[in-house]
Amino acid sequence: MSKLVRNSLFAATAAVAVAFATVSIAQTNSPADVIKTRQQGLKDLGAAFKEIRDQLKGTADMGKVKAAAASIKSAADAMPNWFPKGTGAEVGVKTGAKPEIWSDADGFKAAMAKFVDEAGKFAQTANGGDAKAVMGAMRTLGQSCGGCHDKYRIKED
């Protein structure tokens, strides 16, 4: 199996996993399950970012970069469904989600929309195959992550 086919399959599998996670969130009655699904989605997102960073440190396998960028875009597209009302710390499950996600819902939605937009642009840049352009786009995408992390996420010790 060629690298291109393998990387395309990876990206497609990741996109399907995110889609199922989103459907799972929409159908669950348990806020604890929603939080756990959200946390796994965020871990998967972090793994995709790590893959790209690792690839850009050396001779980048742009197929892997493209696949990870597709995973980031899929996760970003699913994220608006990961934070329904009633899935904060009040549930009794450890979560990094601050109450401001729901008390400042408009601000959170705007920050998330910015990330979703930047993730789409990033995926397009990655598909172009230029590692230098991906590095620049990665900085912009990272800044959009800060839009949520800085205000809406509890910092870990």
N, C-alpha and C. Protein backbone atom coordinates (compact mmCIF):
# COMPACT_ATOMS: atom_id res chain seq x y z
N MET A 1 0.85 -1.17 0.00
CA MET A 1 0.00 0.00 0.00
C MET A 1 0.90 1.24 0.00
N SER A 2 0.63 2.16 -0.87
CA SER A 2 1.47 3.36 -0.98
C SER A 2 1.25 4.27 0.22
N LYS A 3 2.24 5.13 0.47
CA LYS A 3 2.14 6.09 1.57
C LYS A 3 0.94 7.01 1.40
N LEU A 4 0.71 7.45 0.16
CA LEU A 4 -0.41 8.36 -0.10
C LEU A 4 -1.73 7.69 0.26
N VAL A 5 -1.91 6.43 -0.16
CA VAL A 5 -3.15 5.72 0.14
C VAL A 5 -3.26 5.51 1.64
N ARG A 6 -2.17 5.11 2.30
CA ARG A 6 -2.18 4.87 3.73
C ARG A 6 -2.52 6.16 4.49
N ASN A 7 -1.92 7.27 4.10
CA ASN A 7 -2.20 8.55 4.76
C ASN A 7 -3.62 9.02 4.51
N SER A 8 -4.11 8.77 3.30
CA SER A 8 -5.50 9.14 2.99
C SER A 8 -6.47 8.31 3.83
N LEU A 9 -6.15 7.03 3.99
CA LEU A 9 -6.99 6.17 4.83
C LEU A 9 -6.96 6.64 6.28
N PHE A 10 -5.78 7.06 6.75
CA PHE A 10 -5.66 7.58 8.11
C PHE A 10 -6.55 8.80 8.29
N ALA A 11 -6.49 9.71 7.35
CA ALA A 11 -7.30 10.93 7.45
C ALA A 11 -8.79 10.60 7.42
N ALA A 12 -9.18 9.69 6.55
CA ALA A 12 -10.58 9.32 6.45
C ALA A 12 -11.05 8.63 7.73
N THR A 13 -10.21 7.76 8.29
CA THR A 13 -10.55 7.07 9.53
C THR A 13 -10.70 8.06 10.67
N ALA A 14 -9.79 9.02 10.75
CA ALA A 14 -9.88 10.04 11.80
C ALA A 14 -11.15 10.86 11.66
N ALA A 15 -11.49 11.22 10.44
CA ALA A 15 -12.70 12.01 10.21
C ALA A 15 -13.94 11.24 10.62
N VAL A 16 -13.98 9.94 10.31
CA VAL A 16 -15.12 9.10 10.69
C VAL A 16 -15.20 8.98 12.20
N ALA A 17 -14.04 8.82 12.86
CA ALA A 17 -14.03 8.71 14.33
C ALA A 17 -14.58 9.97 14.96
N VAL A 18 -14.19 11.13 14.45
CA VAL A 18 -14.70 12.39 14.98
C VAL A 18 -16.21 12.50 14.74
N ALA A 19 -16.65 12.08 13.56
CA ALA A 19 -18.08 12.13 13.26
C ALA A 19 -18.87 11.24 14.22
N PHE A 20 -18.36 10.03 14.49
CA PHE A 20 -19.05 9.15 15.43
C PHE A 20 -19.04 9.73 16.83
N ALA A 21 -17.94 10.35 17.23
CA ALA A 21 -17.87 10.98 18.55
C ALA A 21 -18.91 12.07 18.66
N THR A 22 -19.08 12.84 17.59
CA THR A 22 -20.06 13.92 17.59
C THR A 22 -21.48 13.36 17.69
N VAL A 23 -21.77 12.29 16.94
CA VAL A 23 -23.08 11.66 17.01
C VAL A 23 -23.30 11.11 18.41
N SER A 24 -22.26 10.50 18.98
CA SER A 24 -22.35 9.95 20.33
C SER A 24 -22.72 11.03 21.33
N ILE A 25 -22.10 12.19 21.21
CA ILE A 25 -22.40 13.30 22.12
C ILE A 25 -23.86 13.72 21.97
N ALA A 26 -24.30 13.83 20.73
CA ALA A 26 -25.66 14.30 20.48
C ALA A 26 -26.70 13.32 21.01
N GLN A 27 -26.37 12.02 21.09
CA GLN A 27 -27.36 11.03 21.48
C GLN A 27 -27.29 10.62 22.94
N THR A 28 -26.25 10.99 23.63
CA THR A 28 -26.09 10.54 25.01
C THR A 28 -26.96 11.34 25.96
N ASN A 29 -27.36 10.67 27.05
CA ASN A 29 -28.11 11.37 28.09
C ASN A 29 -27.22 11.71 29.28
N SER A 30 -26.01 11.19 29.30
CA SER A 30 -25.13 11.36 30.44
C SER A 30 -24.13 12.48 30.21
N PRO A 31 -24.20 13.55 31.02
CA PRO A 31 -23.20 14.61 30.89
C PRO A 31 -21.78 14.09 31.10
N ALA A 32 -21.60 13.09 31.97
CA ALA A 32 -20.27 12.52 32.20
C ALA A 32 -19.73 11.89 30.91
N ASP A 33 -20.61 11.22 30.17
CA ASP A 33 -20.18 10.63 28.89
C ASP A 33 -19.81 11.71 27.89
N VAL A 34 -20.55 12.80 27.89
CA VAL A 34 -20.25 13.91 26.99
C VAL A 34 -18.87 14.46 27.30
N ILE A 35 -18.58 14.64 28.59
CA ILE A 35 -17.27 15.16 29.00
C ILE A 35 -16.17 14.21 28.57
N LYS A 36 -16.35 12.92 28.80
CA LYS A 36 -15.33 11.93 28.43
C LYS A 36 -15.11 11.91 26.91
N THR A 37 -16.17 11.99 26.15
CA THR A 37 -16.05 12.03 24.69
C THR A 37 -15.32 13.29 24.25
N ARG A 38 -15.67 14.43 24.87
CA ARG A 38 -15.01 15.70 24.57
C ARG A 38 -13.52 15.60 24.89
N GLN A 39 -13.20 15.06 26.04
CA GLN A 39 -11.80 14.94 26.44
C GLN A 39 -11.02 14.06 25.47
N GLN A 40 -11.62 12.98 25.01
CA GLN A 40 -10.93 12.12 24.05
C GLN A 40 -10.74 12.85 22.72
N GLY A 41 -11.74 13.59 22.30
CA GLY A 41 -11.61 14.37 21.06
C GLY A 41 -10.49 15.38 21.16
N LEU A 42 -10.36 16.01 22.32
CA LEU A 42 -9.30 17.00 22.52
C LEU A 42 -7.92 16.33 22.58
N LYS A 43 -7.85 15.13 23.16
CA LYS A 43 -6.59 14.37 23.16
C LYS A 43 -6.19 14.00 21.74
N ASP A 44 -7.17 13.57 20.96
CA ASP A 44 -6.89 13.23 19.56
C ASP A 44 -6.42 14.46 18.79
N LEU A 45 -7.03 15.59 19.08
CA LEU A 45 -6.62 16.85 18.45
C LEU A 45 -5.17 17.17 18.82
N GLY A 46 -4.84 17.02 20.08
CA GLY A 46 -3.47 17.25 20.53
C GLY A 46 -2.48 16.31 19.85
N ALA A 47 -2.88 15.06 19.64
CA ALA A 47 -2.01 14.09 18.97
C ALA A 47 -1.76 14.51 17.51
N ALA A 48 -2.77 15.05 16.87
CA ALA A 48 -2.61 15.51 15.48
C ALA A 48 -1.64 16.70 15.43
N PHE A 49 -1.77 17.62 16.38
CA PHE A 49 -0.83 18.74 16.45
C PHE A 49 0.60 18.24 16.67
N LYS A 50 0.74 17.26 17.57
CA LYS A 50 2.07 16.71 17.86
C LYS A 50 2.66 16.06 16.61
N GLU A 51 1.85 15.34 15.87
CA GLU A 51 2.33 14.70 14.64
C GLU A 51 2.88 15.75 13.68
N ILE A 52 2.18 16.83 13.53
CA ILE A 52 2.64 17.88 12.62
C ILE A 52 3.93 18.51 13.14
N ARG A 53 3.97 18.84 14.41
CA ARG A 53 5.20 19.42 14.98
C ARG A 53 6.39 18.48 14.79
N ASP A 54 6.17 17.19 15.06
CA ASP A 54 7.25 16.21 14.91
C ASP A 54 7.71 16.13 13.45
N GLN A 55 6.78 16.16 12.53
CA GLN A 55 7.13 16.09 11.11
C GLN A 55 7.91 17.32 10.67
N LEU A 56 7.53 18.47 11.19
CA LEU A 56 8.18 19.71 10.76
C LEU A 56 9.56 19.91 11.38
N LYS A 57 9.92 19.10 12.38
CA LYS A 57 11.25 19.20 13.00
C LYS A 57 12.34 18.66 12.09
N GLY A 58 11.98 17.75 11.21
CA GLY A 58 12.97 17.14 10.33
C GLY A 58 12.52 17.23 8.89
N THR A 59 12.84 16.20 8.15
CA THR A 59 12.36 16.12 6.78
C THR A 59 10.91 15.69 6.85
N ALA A 60 10.03 16.59 6.58
CA ALA A 60 8.60 16.35 6.77
C ALA A 60 8.05 15.37 5.74
N ASP A 61 7.29 14.39 6.25
CA ASP A 61 6.49 13.52 5.40
C ASP A 61 5.17 14.26 5.21
N MET A 62 5.04 14.93 4.09
CA MET A 62 3.87 15.80 3.89
C MET A 62 2.57 15.00 3.84
N GLY A 63 2.64 13.72 3.53
CA GLY A 63 1.44 12.89 3.59
C GLY A 63 0.92 12.79 5.02
N LYS A 64 1.84 12.63 5.97
CA LYS A 64 1.44 12.57 7.38
C LYS A 64 0.94 13.94 7.85
N VAL A 65 1.59 14.99 7.38
CA VAL A 65 1.16 16.35 7.75
C VAL A 65 -0.26 16.59 7.22
N LYS A 66 -0.50 16.22 5.98
CA LYS A 66 -1.84 16.42 5.39
C LYS A 66 -2.90 15.63 6.15
N ALA A 67 -2.56 14.38 6.52
CA ALA A 67 -3.52 13.55 7.25
C ALA A 67 -3.82 14.15 8.62
N ALA A 68 -2.78 14.61 9.32
CA ALA A 68 -2.99 15.21 10.63
C ALA A 68 -3.78 16.51 10.52
N ALA A 69 -3.51 17.30 9.48
CA ALA A 69 -4.26 18.54 9.25
C ALA A 69 -5.73 18.24 9.00
N ALA A 70 -6.00 17.16 8.26
CA ALA A 70 -7.40 16.77 8.02
C ALA A 70 -8.06 16.37 9.34
N SER A 71 -7.31 15.70 10.23
CA SER A 71 -7.86 15.34 11.54
C SER A 71 -8.17 16.58 12.37
N ILE A 72 -7.29 17.57 12.30
CA ILE A 72 -7.52 18.81 13.03
C ILE A 72 -8.78 19.49 12.52
N LYS A 73 -8.93 19.55 11.21
CA LYS A 73 -10.12 20.18 10.63
C LYS A 73 -11.39 19.44 11.05
N SER A 74 -11.35 18.12 11.00
CA SER A 74 -12.52 17.32 11.40
C SER A 74 -12.88 17.56 12.86
N ALA A 75 -11.86 17.60 13.72
CA ALA A 75 -12.12 17.85 15.14
C ALA A 75 -12.68 19.25 15.35
N ALA A 76 -12.09 20.22 14.65
CA ALA A 76 -12.57 21.61 14.78
C ALA A 76 -14.03 21.71 14.35
N ASP A 77 -14.37 21.03 13.27
CA ASP A 77 -15.76 21.07 12.79
C ASP A 77 -16.72 20.44 13.79
N ALA A 78 -16.24 19.44 14.53
CA ALA A 78 -17.09 18.75 15.50
C ALA A 78 -17.18 19.48 16.84
N MET A 79 -16.18 20.30 17.16
CA MET A 79 -16.08 20.94 18.47
C MET A 79 -17.32 21.71 18.94
N PRO A 80 -18.01 22.42 18.09
CA PRO A 80 -19.18 23.15 18.59
C PRO A 80 -20.21 22.25 19.29
N ASN A 81 -20.16 20.95 19.01
CA ASN A 81 -21.08 20.01 19.66
C ASN A 81 -20.51 19.39 20.93
N TRP A 82 -19.28 19.72 21.28
CA TRP A 82 -18.61 19.09 22.41
C TRP A 82 -18.89 19.78 23.74
N PHE A 83 -19.56 20.91 23.73
CA PHE A 83 -19.74 21.70 24.96
C PHE A 83 -21.20 22.05 25.22
N PRO A 84 -22.09 21.05 25.24
CA PRO A 84 -23.48 21.41 25.53
C PRO A 84 -23.63 21.87 26.98
N LYS A 85 -24.61 22.70 27.20
CA LYS A 85 -24.90 23.22 28.55
C LYS A 85 -25.09 22.02 29.49
N GLY A 86 -24.56 22.15 30.70
CA GLY A 86 -24.71 21.08 31.68
C GLY A 86 -23.57 20.07 31.67
N THR A 87 -22.48 20.41 30.97
CA THR A 87 -21.34 19.48 30.92
C THR A 87 -20.08 20.13 31.47
N GLY A 88 -20.26 20.88 32.54
CA GLY A 88 -19.13 21.51 33.20
C GLY A 88 -18.77 20.75 34.48
N ALA A 89 -18.03 21.39 35.34
CA ALA A 89 -17.55 20.78 36.58
C ALA A 89 -18.69 20.36 37.51
N GLU A 90 -19.86 20.97 37.34
CA GLU A 90 -21.01 20.64 38.20
C GLU A 90 -21.41 19.18 38.09
N VAL A 91 -20.97 18.50 37.05
CA VAL A 91 -21.32 17.10 36.84
C VAL A 91 -20.55 16.19 37.81
N GLY A 92 -19.42 16.68 38.31
CA GLY A 92 -18.61 15.88 39.22
C GLY A 92 -17.50 15.11 38.52
N VAL A 93 -17.30 15.37 37.24
CA VAL A 93 -16.21 14.76 36.47
C VAL A 93 -15.16 15.84 36.27
N LYS A 94 -13.89 15.47 36.50
CA LYS A 94 -12.82 16.44 36.33
C LYS A 94 -12.80 16.90 34.87
N THR A 95 -12.85 18.22 34.70
CA THR A 95 -12.83 18.80 33.37
C THR A 95 -12.06 20.12 33.41
N GLY A 96 -11.42 20.42 32.33
CA GLY A 96 -10.71 21.68 32.22
C GLY A 96 -11.59 22.81 31.71
N ALA A 97 -12.86 22.51 31.48
CA ALA A 97 -13.79 23.52 30.96
C ALA A 97 -14.21 24.48 32.07
N LYS A 98 -13.96 25.76 31.84
CA LYS A 98 -14.37 26.79 32.80
C LYS A 98 -15.85 27.11 32.64
N PRO A 99 -16.50 27.57 33.70
CA PRO A 99 -17.91 27.96 33.61
C PRO A 99 -18.17 29.06 32.58
N GLU A 100 -17.13 29.84 32.26
CA GLU A 100 -17.27 30.93 31.30
C GLU A 100 -17.68 30.43 29.90
N ILE A 101 -17.45 29.15 29.63
CA ILE A 101 -17.89 28.58 28.34
C ILE A 101 -19.38 28.81 28.18
N TRP A 102 -20.12 28.66 29.27
CA TRP A 102 -21.57 28.78 29.20
C TRP A 102 -22.06 30.15 29.65
N SER A 103 -21.35 30.80 30.58
CA SER A 103 -21.79 32.13 31.02
C SER A 103 -21.44 33.20 30.00
N ASP A 104 -20.41 32.96 29.19
CA ASP A 104 -20.02 33.86 28.09
C ASP A 104 -20.12 33.08 26.78
N ALA A 105 -21.30 32.51 26.56
CA ALA A 105 -21.49 31.63 25.41
C ALA A 105 -21.18 32.32 24.08
N ASP A 106 -21.54 33.58 23.94
CA ASP A 106 -21.26 34.28 22.68
C ASP A 106 -19.76 34.44 22.45
N GLY A 107 -19.03 34.78 23.50
CA GLY A 107 -17.58 34.91 23.38
C GLY A 107 -16.93 33.58 23.06
N PHE A 108 -17.39 32.51 23.72
CA PHE A 108 -16.85 31.18 23.47
C PHE A 108 -17.13 30.74 22.04
N LYS A 109 -18.35 30.96 21.59
CA LYS A 109 -18.71 30.59 20.22
C LYS A 109 -17.87 31.36 19.21
N ALA A 110 -17.60 32.62 19.47
CA ALA A 110 -16.78 33.43 18.57
C ALA A 110 -15.34 32.90 18.54
N ALA A 111 -14.80 32.57 19.71
CA ALA A 111 -13.43 32.04 19.76
C ALA A 111 -13.36 30.69 19.05
N MET A 112 -14.37 29.87 19.25
CA MET A 112 -14.39 28.56 18.60
C MET A 112 -14.56 28.72 17.09
N ALA A 113 -15.39 29.64 16.66
CA ALA A 113 -15.58 29.88 15.23
C ALA A 113 -14.26 30.31 14.58
N LYS A 114 -13.48 31.10 15.28
CA LYS A 114 -12.17 31.52 14.78
C LYS A 114 -11.27 30.30 14.60
N PHE A 115 -11.27 29.39 15.58
CA PHE A 115 -10.46 28.18 15.48
C PHE A 115 -10.93 27.31 14.31
N VAL A 116 -12.23 27.14 14.17
CA VAL A 116 -12.77 26.34 13.07
C VAL A 116 -12.34 26.93 11.72
N ASP A 117 -12.41 28.24 11.60
CA ASP A 117 -12.00 28.92 10.37
C ASP A 117 -10.51 28.71 10.10
N GLU A 118 -9.69 28.89 11.12
CA GLU A 118 -8.24 28.74 10.96
C GLU A 118 -7.87 27.28 10.67
N ALA A 119 -8.60 26.34 11.26
CA ALA A 119 -8.33 24.92 10.98
C ALA A 119 -8.59 24.60 9.51
N GLY A 120 -9.63 25.19 8.94
CA GLY A 120 -9.91 25.00 7.52
C GLY A 120 -8.81 25.58 6.65
N LYS A 121 -8.37 26.78 7.00
CA LYS A 121 -7.27 27.41 6.24
C LYS A 121 -5.99 26.59 6.38
N PHE A 122 -5.74 26.08 7.59
CA PHE A 122 -4.55 25.28 7.84
C PHE A 122 -4.56 24.02 6.98
N ALA A 123 -5.69 23.34 6.93
CA ALA A 123 -5.80 22.12 6.13
C ALA A 123 -5.52 22.43 4.65
N GLN A 124 -6.03 23.56 4.16
CA GLN A 124 -5.76 23.95 2.78
C GLN A 124 -4.27 24.19 2.56
N THR A 125 -3.64 24.85 3.50
CA THR A 125 -2.20 25.11 3.40
C THR A 125 -1.44 23.80 3.40
N ALA A 126 -1.79 22.89 4.30
CA ALA A 126 -1.11 21.59 4.37
C ALA A 126 -1.27 20.83 3.06
N ASN A 127 -2.44 20.90 2.47
CA ASN A 127 -2.67 20.21 1.20
C ASN A 127 -1.81 20.76 0.08
N GLY A 128 -1.32 21.99 0.25
CA GLY A 128 -0.42 22.58 -0.74
C GLY A 128 0.95 21.93 -0.75
N GLY A 129 1.32 21.26 0.35
CA GLY A 129 2.56 20.51 0.39
C GLY A 129 3.83 21.29 0.67
N ASP A 130 3.72 22.57 1.05
CA ASP A 130 4.88 23.40 1.32
C ASP A 130 5.12 23.46 2.83
N ALA A 131 6.19 22.79 3.30
CA ALA A 131 6.46 22.69 4.73
C ALA A 131 6.64 24.06 5.38
N LYS A 132 7.30 25.00 4.69
CA LYS A 132 7.49 26.34 5.26
C LYS A 132 6.15 27.05 5.44
N ALA A 133 5.28 26.92 4.48
CA ALA A 133 3.95 27.54 4.59
C ALA A 133 3.17 26.90 5.73
N VAL A 134 3.33 25.59 5.91
CA VAL A 134 2.64 24.90 7.00
C VAL A 134 3.14 25.42 8.34
N MET A 135 4.45 25.65 8.46
CA MET A 135 5.00 26.19 9.72
C MET A 135 4.36 27.53 10.06
N GLY A 136 4.25 28.41 9.08
CA GLY A 136 3.64 29.71 9.30
C GLY A 136 2.17 29.59 9.67
N ALA A 137 1.47 28.71 8.97
CA ALA A 137 0.04 28.52 9.24
C ALA A 137 -0.16 27.87 10.61
N MET A 138 0.80 27.06 11.02
CA MET A 138 0.71 26.40 12.33
C MET A 138 0.74 27.45 13.45
N ARG A 139 1.54 28.48 13.29
CA ARG A 139 1.60 29.55 14.30
C ARG A 139 0.24 30.25 14.40
N THR A 140 -0.34 30.56 13.26
CA THR A 140 -1.65 31.23 13.25
C THR A 140 -2.72 30.34 13.87
N LEU A 141 -2.68 29.07 13.52
CA LEU A 141 -3.65 28.14 14.09
C LEU A 141 -3.46 28.04 15.60
N GLY A 142 -2.23 27.96 16.04
CA GLY A 142 -1.94 27.90 17.48
C GLY A 142 -2.46 29.12 18.23
N GLN A 143 -2.34 30.29 17.61
CA GLN A 143 -2.87 31.50 18.24
C GLN A 143 -4.38 31.42 18.38
N SER A 144 -5.05 30.82 17.41
CA SER A 144 -6.51 30.69 17.52
C SER A 144 -6.88 29.71 18.62
N CYS A 145 -6.02 28.73 18.89
CA CYS A 145 -6.24 27.82 20.03
C CYS A 145 -6.25 28.62 21.32
N GLY A 146 -5.34 29.57 21.42
CA GLY A 146 -5.25 30.40 22.61
C GLY A 146 -6.52 31.18 22.88
N GLY A 147 -7.29 31.46 21.84
CA GLY A 147 -8.55 32.17 22.01
C GLY A 147 -9.50 31.46 22.95
N CYS A 148 -9.43 30.15 22.97
CA CYS A 148 -10.24 29.36 23.92
C CYS A 148 -9.45 29.00 25.16
N HIS A 149 -8.22 28.55 24.97
CA HIS A 149 -7.43 28.09 26.11
C HIS A 149 -7.21 29.18 27.14
N ASP A 150 -6.93 30.38 26.70
CA ASP A 150 -6.61 31.46 27.63
C ASP A 150 -7.78 31.85 28.52
N LYS A 151 -8.97 31.84 27.99
CA LYS A 151 -10.12 32.34 28.73
C LYS A 151 -11.08 31.25 29.21
N TYR A 152 -11.12 30.13 28.49
CA TYR A 152 -12.17 29.15 28.74
C TYR A 152 -11.67 27.79 29.24
N ARG A 153 -10.38 27.69 29.52
CA ARG A 153 -9.81 26.41 29.96
C ARG A 153 -9.06 26.62 31.28
N ILE A 154 -9.29 25.71 32.21
CA ILE A 154 -8.58 25.75 33.49
C ILE A 154 -7.15 25.30 33.22
N LYS A 155 -6.21 26.08 33.66
CA LYS A 155 -4.80 25.74 33.47
C LYS A 155 -4.42 24.62 34.43
N GLU A 156 -3.74 23.61 33.88
CA GLU A 156 -3.27 22.51 34.71
C GLU A 156 -2.00 22.90 35.43
N ASP A 157 -1.84 22.37 36.62
CA ASP A 157 -0.62 22.66 37.40
C ASP A 157 0.55 21.87 36.91
